[in-house]
PDB file of all heavy atoms in Angstrom:
ATOM      1  N   MET A   1      55.415 -75.081 -49.852  1.00  0.00           N
ATOM      2  CA  MET A   1      54.241 -74.617 -49.119  1.00  0.00           C
ATOM      3  C   MET A   1      53.414 -73.618 -49.932  1.00  0.00           C
ATOM      4  O   MET A   1      53.915 -72.964 -50.848  1.00  0.00           O
ATOM      5  CB  MET A   1      54.672 -73.978 -47.791  1.00  0.00           C
ATOM      6  CG  MET A   1      55.438 -74.922 -46.878  1.00  0.00           C
ATOM      7  SD  MET A   1      54.483 -76.396 -46.461  1.00  0.00           S
ATOM      8  CE  MET A   1      55.634 -77.270 -45.407  1.00  0.00           C
ATOM      9  N   VAL A   2      52.144 -73.501 -49.548  1.00  0.00           N
ATOM     10  CA  VAL A   2      51.251 -72.565 -50.223  1.00  0.00           C
ATOM     11  C   VAL A   2      51.792 -71.139 -50.120  1.00  0.00           C
ATOM     12  O   VAL A   2      51.699 -70.358 -51.072  1.00  0.00           O
ATOM     13  CB  VAL A   2      49.826 -72.664 -49.640  1.00  0.00           C
ATOM     14  CG1 VAL A   2      48.941 -71.537 -50.169  1.00  0.00           C
ATOM     15  CG2 VAL A   2      49.211 -74.018 -49.964  1.00  0.00           C
ATOM     16  N   LEU A   3      52.375 -70.792 -48.979  1.00  0.00           N
ATOM     17  CA  LEU A   3      52.934 -69.446 -48.833  1.00  0.00           C
ATOM     18  C   LEU A   3      54.061 -69.211 -49.828  1.00  0.00           C
ATOM     19  O   LEU A   3      54.210 -68.102 -50.355  1.00  0.00           O
ATOM     20  CB  LEU A   3      53.433 -69.231 -47.402  1.00  0.00           C
ATOM     21  CG  LEU A   3      53.990 -67.834 -47.102  1.00  0.00           C
ATOM     22  CD1 LEU A   3      52.920 -66.764 -47.325  1.00  0.00           C
ATOM     23  CD2 LEU A   3      54.515 -67.746 -45.672  1.00  0.00           C
ATOM     24  N   ASP A   4      54.859 -70.238 -50.121  1.00  0.00           N
ATOM     25  CA  ASP A   4      55.913 -70.099 -51.129  1.00  0.00           C
ATOM     26  C   ASP A   4      55.312 -69.750 -52.487  1.00  0.00           C
ATOM     27  O   ASP A   4      55.848 -68.909 -53.227  1.00  0.00           O
ATOM     28  CB  ASP A   4      56.716 -71.404 -51.235  1.00  0.00           C
ATOM     29  CG  ASP A   4      57.488 -71.716 -49.970  1.00  0.00           C
ATOM     30  OD1 ASP A   4      58.090 -70.793 -49.405  1.00  0.00           O
ATOM     31  OD2 ASP A   4      57.488 -72.880 -49.542  1.00  0.00           O
ATOM     32  N   ALA A   5      54.187 -70.396 -52.816  1.00  0.00           N
ATOM     33  CA  ALA A   5      53.527 -70.122 -54.093  1.00  0.00           C
ATOM     34  C   ALA A   5      52.993 -68.689 -54.140  1.00  0.00           C
ATOM     35  O   ALA A   5      53.132 -67.993 -55.155  1.00  0.00           O
ATOM     36  CB  ALA A   5      52.390 -71.119 -54.314  1.00  0.00           C
ATOM     37  N   LEU A   6      52.398 -68.236 -53.026  1.00  0.00           N
ATOM     38  CA  LEU A   6      51.872 -66.873 -52.987  1.00  0.00           C
ATOM     39  C   LEU A   6      52.992 -65.846 -53.142  1.00  0.00           C
ATOM     40  O   LEU A   6      52.839 -64.839 -53.857  1.00  0.00           O
ATOM     41  CB  LEU A   6      51.125 -66.643 -51.676  1.00  0.00           C
ATOM     42  CG  LEU A   6      49.793 -67.383 -51.514  1.00  0.00           C
ATOM     43  CD1 LEU A   6      49.261 -67.220 -50.094  1.00  0.00           C
ATOM     44  CD2 LEU A   6      48.773 -66.878 -52.521  1.00  0.00           C
ATOM     45  N   ILE A   7      54.101 -66.080 -52.481  1.00  0.00           N
ATOM     46  CA  ILE A   7      55.235 -65.152 -52.581  1.00  0.00           C
ATOM     47  C   ILE A   7      55.788 -65.139 -54.006  1.00  0.00           C
ATOM     48  O   ILE A   7      56.129 -64.079 -54.546  1.00  0.00           O
ATOM     49  CB  ILE A   7      56.324 -65.530 -51.560  1.00  0.00           C
ATOM     50  CG1 ILE A   7      55.820 -65.283 -50.131  1.00  0.00           C
ATOM     51  CG2 ILE A   7      57.605 -64.745 -51.812  1.00  0.00           C
ATOM     52  CD1 ILE A   7      56.758 -65.779 -49.048  1.00  0.00           C
ATOM     53  N   LYS A   8      55.855 -66.304 -54.629  1.00  0.00           N
ATOM     54  CA  LYS A   8      56.350 -66.379 -56.010  1.00  0.00           C
ATOM     55  C   LYS A   8      55.417 -65.627 -56.966  1.00  0.00           C
ATOM     56  O   LYS A   8      55.873 -64.882 -57.841  1.00  0.00           O
ATOM     57  CB  LYS A   8      56.468 -67.843 -56.441  1.00  0.00           C
ATOM     58  CG  LYS A   8      57.014 -68.042 -57.856  1.00  0.00           C
ATOM     59  CD  LYS A   8      57.193 -69.508 -58.167  1.00  0.00           C
ATOM     60  CE  LYS A   8      57.709 -69.698 -59.586  1.00  0.00           C
ATOM     61  NZ  LYS A   8      59.067 -69.126 -59.775  1.00  0.00           N
ATOM     62  N   ILE A   9      54.111 -65.800 -56.774  1.00  0.00           N
ATOM     63  CA  ILE A   9      53.144 -65.102 -57.620  1.00  0.00           C
ATOM     64  C   ILE A   9      53.278 -63.590 -57.440  1.00  0.00           C
ATOM     65  O   ILE A   9      53.276 -62.827 -58.409  1.00  0.00           O
ATOM     66  CB  ILE A   9      51.717 -65.573 -57.295  1.00  0.00           C
ATOM     67  CG1 ILE A   9      51.529 -67.025 -57.748  1.00  0.00           C
ATOM     68  CG2 ILE A   9      50.670 -64.677 -57.949  1.00  0.00           C
ATOM     69  CD1 ILE A   9      50.265 -67.679 -57.236  1.00  0.00           C
ATOM     70  N   LYS A  10      53.409 -63.152 -56.190  1.00  0.00           N
ATOM     71  CA  LYS A  10      53.523 -61.708 -55.919  1.00  0.00           C
ATOM     72  C   LYS A  10      54.830 -61.140 -56.481  1.00  0.00           C
ATOM     73  O   LYS A  10      54.852 -60.035 -57.035  1.00  0.00           O
ATOM     74  CB  LYS A  10      53.437 -61.447 -54.416  1.00  0.00           C
ATOM     75  CG  LYS A  10      53.470 -59.968 -54.041  1.00  0.00           C
ATOM     76  CD  LYS A  10      53.241 -59.766 -52.565  1.00  0.00           C
ATOM     77  CE  LYS A  10      53.285 -58.288 -52.205  1.00  0.00           C
ATOM     78  NZ  LYS A  10      52.152 -57.534 -52.765  1.00  0.00           N
ATOM     79  N   ASN A  11      55.916 -61.878 -56.341  1.00  0.00           N
ATOM     80  CA  ASN A  11      57.223 -61.378 -56.779  1.00  0.00           C
ATOM     81  C   ASN A  11      57.406 -61.410 -58.293  1.00  0.00           C
ATOM     82  O   ASN A  11      58.083 -60.547 -58.866  1.00  0.00           O
ATOM     83  CB  ASN A  11      58.340 -62.192 -56.122  1.00  0.00           C
ATOM     84  CG  ASN A  11      58.481 -61.899 -54.643  1.00  0.00           C
ATOM     85  OD1 ASN A  11      57.955 -60.905 -54.146  1.00  0.00           O
ATOM     86  ND2 ASN A  11      59.185 -62.757 -53.927  1.00  0.00           N
ATOM     87  N   GLU A  12      56.808 -62.419 -58.951  1.00  0.00           N
ATOM     88  CA  GLU A  12      57.138 -62.641 -60.354  1.00  0.00           C
ATOM     89  C   GLU A  12      55.976 -62.404 -61.327  1.00  0.00           C
ATOM     90  O   GLU A  12      56.214 -62.223 -62.524  1.00  0.00           O
ATOM     91  CB  GLU A  12      57.656 -64.075 -60.538  1.00  0.00           C
ATOM     92  CG  GLU A  12      58.900 -64.374 -59.716  1.00  0.00           C
ATOM     93  CD  GLU A  12      59.375 -65.816 -59.874  1.00  0.00           C
ATOM     94  OE1 GLU A  12      58.845 -66.514 -60.775  1.00  0.00           O
ATOM     95  OE2 GLU A  12      60.253 -66.242 -59.101  1.00  0.00           O
ATOM     96  N   ILE A  13      54.730 -62.456 -60.829  1.00  0.00           N
ATOM     97  CA  ILE A  13      53.589 -62.365 -61.748  1.00  0.00           C
ATOM     98  C   ILE A  13      52.727 -61.141 -61.477  1.00  0.00           C
ATOM     99  O   ILE A  13      52.461 -60.349 -62.377  1.00  0.00           O
ATOM    100  CB  ILE A  13      52.721 -63.653 -61.661  1.00  0.00           C
ATOM    101  CG1 ILE A  13      53.566 -64.886 -62.006  1.00  0.00           C
ATOM    102  CG2 ILE A  13      51.524 -63.538 -62.609  1.00  0.00           C
ATOM    103  CD1 ILE A  13      52.824 -66.192 -61.851  1.00  0.00           C
ATOM    104  N   ASP A  14      52.280 -60.976 -60.239  1.00  0.00           N
ATOM    105  CA  ASP A  14      51.327 -59.910 -59.924  1.00  0.00           C
ATOM    106  C   ASP A  14      51.684 -59.256 -58.592  1.00  0.00           C
ATOM    107  O   ASP A  14      51.287 -59.746 -57.531  1.00  0.00           O
ATOM    108  CB  ASP A  14      49.905 -60.491 -59.872  1.00  0.00           C
ATOM    109  CG  ASP A  14      48.840 -59.417 -59.767  1.00  0.00           C
ATOM    110  OD1 ASP A  14      49.195 -58.247 -59.506  1.00  0.00           O
ATOM    111  OD2 ASP A  14      47.653 -59.737 -59.948  1.00  0.00           O
ATOM    112  N   PRO A  15      52.430 -58.168 -58.610  1.00  0.00           N
ATOM    113  CA  PRO A  15      52.836 -57.513 -57.355  1.00  0.00           C
ATOM    114  C   PRO A  15      51.682 -56.885 -56.589  1.00  0.00           C
ATOM    115  O   PRO A  15      51.855 -56.501 -55.434  1.00  0.00           O
ATOM    116  CB  PRO A  15      53.836 -56.446 -57.814  1.00  0.00           C
ATOM    117  CG  PRO A  15      53.634 -56.286 -59.263  1.00  0.00           C
ATOM    118  CD  PRO A  15      53.026 -57.532 -59.792  1.00  0.00           C
ATOM    119  N   SER A  16      50.502 -56.786 -57.214  1.00  0.00           N
ATOM    120  CA  SER A  16      49.357 -56.198 -56.507  1.00  0.00           C
ATOM    121  C   SER A  16      48.666 -57.187 -55.567  1.00  0.00           C
ATOM    122  O   SER A  16      47.821 -56.788 -54.769  1.00  0.00           O
ATOM    123  CB  SER A  16      48.337 -55.657 -57.518  1.00  0.00           C
ATOM    124  OG  SER A  16      47.696 -56.719 -58.211  1.00  0.00           O
ATOM    125  N   LEU A  17      49.003 -58.465 -55.649  1.00  0.00           N
ATOM    126  CA  LEU A  17      48.405 -59.471 -54.767  1.00  0.00           C
ATOM    127  C   LEU A  17      48.755 -59.151 -53.316  1.00  0.00           C
ATOM    128  O   LEU A  17      49.921 -58.924 -52.975  1.00  0.00           O
ATOM    129  CB  LEU A  17      48.911 -60.865 -55.133  1.00  0.00           C
ATOM    130  CG  LEU A  17      48.424 -62.017 -54.259  1.00  0.00           C
ATOM    131  CD1 LEU A  17      46.917 -62.163 -54.335  1.00  0.00           C
ATOM    132  CD2 LEU A  17      49.115 -63.324 -54.653  1.00  0.00           C
ATOM    133  N   THR A  18      47.732 -59.150 -52.451  1.00  0.00           N
ATOM    134  CA  THR A  18      47.918 -58.719 -51.062  1.00  0.00           C
ATOM    135  C   THR A  18      47.548 -59.833 -50.103  1.00  0.00           C
ATOM    136  O   THR A  18      46.470 -60.426 -50.217  1.00  0.00           O
ATOM    137  CB  THR A  18      47.055 -57.475 -50.767  1.00  0.00           C
ATOM    138  OG1 THR A  18      47.380 -56.453 -51.729  1.00  0.00           O
ATOM    139  CG2 THR A  18      47.308 -56.946 -49.361  1.00  0.00           C
ATOM    140  N   PHE A  19      48.448 -60.118 -49.163  1.00  0.00           N
ATOM    141  CA  PHE A  19      48.193 -61.104 -48.120  1.00  0.00           C
ATOM    142  C   PHE A  19      49.123 -60.812 -46.952  1.00  0.00           C
ATOM    143  O   PHE A  19      50.118 -60.098 -47.090  1.00  0.00           O
ATOM    144  CB  PHE A  19      48.406 -62.539 -48.629  1.00  0.00           C
ATOM    145  CG  PHE A  19      49.762 -62.778 -49.256  1.00  0.00           C
ATOM    146  CD1 PHE A  19      50.830 -63.216 -48.493  1.00  0.00           C
ATOM    147  CD2 PHE A  19      49.958 -62.561 -50.612  1.00  0.00           C
ATOM    148  CE1 PHE A  19      52.074 -63.437 -49.064  1.00  0.00           C
ATOM    149  CE2 PHE A  19      51.200 -62.773 -51.199  1.00  0.00           C
ATOM    150  CZ  PHE A  19      52.262 -63.214 -50.428  1.00  0.00           C
ATOM    151  N   ARG A  20      48.763 -61.346 -45.787  1.00  0.00           N
ATOM    152  CA  ARG A  20      49.605 -61.178 -44.597  1.00  0.00           C
ATOM    153  C   ARG A  20      50.565 -62.355 -44.475  1.00  0.00           C
ATOM    154  O   ARG A  20      50.210 -63.496 -44.760  1.00  0.00           O
ATOM    155  CB  ARG A  20      48.752 -61.096 -43.328  1.00  0.00           C
ATOM    156  CG  ARG A  20      47.938 -59.824 -43.171  1.00  0.00           C
ATOM    157  CD  ARG A  20      47.318 -59.768 -41.778  1.00  0.00           C
ATOM    158  NE  ARG A  20      46.571 -58.538 -41.554  1.00  0.00           N
ATOM    159  CZ  ARG A  20      45.255 -58.470 -41.470  1.00  0.00           C
ATOM    160  NH1 ARG A  20      44.527 -59.570 -41.587  1.00  0.00           N
ATOM    161  NH2 ARG A  20      44.643 -57.315 -41.270  1.00  0.00           N
ATOM    162  N   ARG A  21      51.761 -62.066 -43.990  1.00  0.00           N
ATOM    163  CA  ARG A  21      52.711 -63.128 -43.663  1.00  0.00           C
ATOM    164  C   ARG A  21      53.827 -62.519 -42.840  1.00  0.00           C
ATOM    165  O   ARG A  21      54.087 -61.320 -42.904  1.00  0.00           O
ATOM    166  CB  ARG A  21      53.268 -63.784 -44.917  1.00  0.00           C
ATOM    167  CG  ARG A  21      53.950 -62.804 -45.881  1.00  0.00           C
ATOM    168  CD  ARG A  21      55.380 -63.164 -46.065  1.00  0.00           C
ATOM    169  NE  ARG A  21      56.034 -62.311 -47.049  1.00  0.00           N
ATOM    170  CZ  ARG A  21      57.343 -62.142 -47.092  1.00  0.00           C
ATOM    171  NH1 ARG A  21      58.118 -62.718 -46.200  1.00  0.00           N
ATOM    172  NH2 ARG A  21      57.890 -61.370 -47.991  1.00  0.00           N
ATOM    173  N   SER A  22      54.479 -63.354 -42.040  1.00  0.00           N
ATOM    174  CA  SER A  22      55.571 -62.838 -41.223  1.00  0.00           C
ATOM    175  C   SER A  22      56.622 -63.906 -40.974  1.00  0.00           C
ATOM    176  O   SER A  22      57.650 -63.939 -41.629  1.00  0.00           O
ATOM    177  CB  SER A  22      55.039 -62.283 -39.897  1.00  0.00           C
ATOM    178  OG  SER A  22      56.084 -61.710 -39.152  1.00  0.00           O
ATOM    179  N   CYS A  23      56.333 -64.828 -40.051  1.00  0.00           N
ATOM    180  CA  CYS A  23      57.398 -65.703 -39.544  1.00  0.00           C
ATOM    181  C   CYS A  23      57.738 -66.864 -40.464  1.00  0.00           C
ATOM    182  O   CYS A  23      58.847 -67.360 -40.455  1.00  0.00           O
ATOM    183  CB  CYS A  23      57.009 -66.242 -38.170  1.00  0.00           C
ATOM    184  SG  CYS A  23      55.692 -67.493 -38.230  1.00  0.00           S
ATOM    185  N   ARG A  24      56.755 -67.366 -41.224  1.00  0.00           N
ATOM    186  CA  ARG A  24      56.916 -68.536 -42.098  1.00  0.00           C
ATOM    187  C   ARG A  24      57.205 -69.810 -41.305  1.00  0.00           C
ATOM    188  O   ARG A  24      57.668 -70.810 -41.854  1.00  0.00           O
ATOM    189  CB  ARG A  24      58.021 -68.320 -43.135  1.00  0.00           C
ATOM    190  CG  ARG A  24      57.776 -67.144 -44.042  1.00  0.00           C
ATOM    191  CD  ARG A  24      58.835 -67.018 -45.116  1.00  0.00           C
ATOM    192  NE  ARG A  24      58.755 -68.096 -46.067  1.00  0.00           N
ATOM    193  CZ  ARG A  24      59.404 -68.103 -47.223  1.00  0.00           C
ATOM    194  NH1 ARG A  24      60.154 -67.070 -47.567  1.00  0.00           N
ATOM    195  NH2 ARG A  24      59.292 -69.128 -48.046  1.00  0.00           N
ATOM    196  N   GLU A  25      56.909 -69.806 -39.995  1.00  0.00           N
ATOM    197  CA  GLU A  25      57.207 -70.963 -39.150  1.00  0.00           C
ATOM    198  C   GLU A  25      55.993 -71.441 -38.352  1.00  0.00           C
ATOM    199  O   GLU A  25      56.130 -72.227 -37.427  1.00  0.00           O
ATOM    200  CB  GLU A  25      58.343 -70.615 -38.173  1.00  0.00           C
ATOM    201  CG  GLU A  25      59.668 -70.273 -38.826  1.00  0.00           C
ATOM    202  CD  GLU A  25      60.333 -71.474 -39.471  1.00  0.00           C
ATOM    203  OE1 GLU A  25      59.965 -72.611 -39.106  1.00  0.00           O
ATOM    204  OE2 GLU A  25      61.208 -71.281 -40.335  1.00  0.00           O
ATOM    205  N   GLY A  26      54.789 -70.946 -38.663  1.00  0.00           N
ATOM    206  CA  GLY A  26      53.601 -71.375 -37.920  1.00  0.00           C
ATOM    207  C   GLY A  26      53.555 -70.827 -36.516  1.00  0.00           C
ATOM    208  O   GLY A  26      52.957 -71.437 -35.632  1.00  0.00           O
ATOM    209  N   ILE A  27      54.172 -69.672 -36.276  1.00  0.00           N
ATOM    210  CA  ILE A  27      54.232 -69.084 -34.940  1.00  0.00           C
ATOM    211  C   ILE A  27      53.385 -67.818 -34.839  1.00  0.00           C
ATOM    212  O   ILE A  27      52.700 -67.590 -33.842  1.00  0.00           O
ATOM    213  CB  ILE A  27      55.691 -68.752 -34.555  1.00  0.00           C
ATOM    214  CG1 ILE A  27      56.545 -70.019 -34.547  1.00  0.00           C
ATOM    215  CG2 ILE A  27      55.753 -68.074 -33.200  1.00  0.00           C
ATOM    216  CD1 ILE A  27      56.088 -71.075 -33.561  1.00  0.00           C
TER     217      ILE A  27
END
């Protein structure tokens, strides 16, 4: 999923990337 890519980018490439996320289940 796109959210997986965003989390990977934030964790491994650029920790300054900012976005909202919570449940990861469409809820």
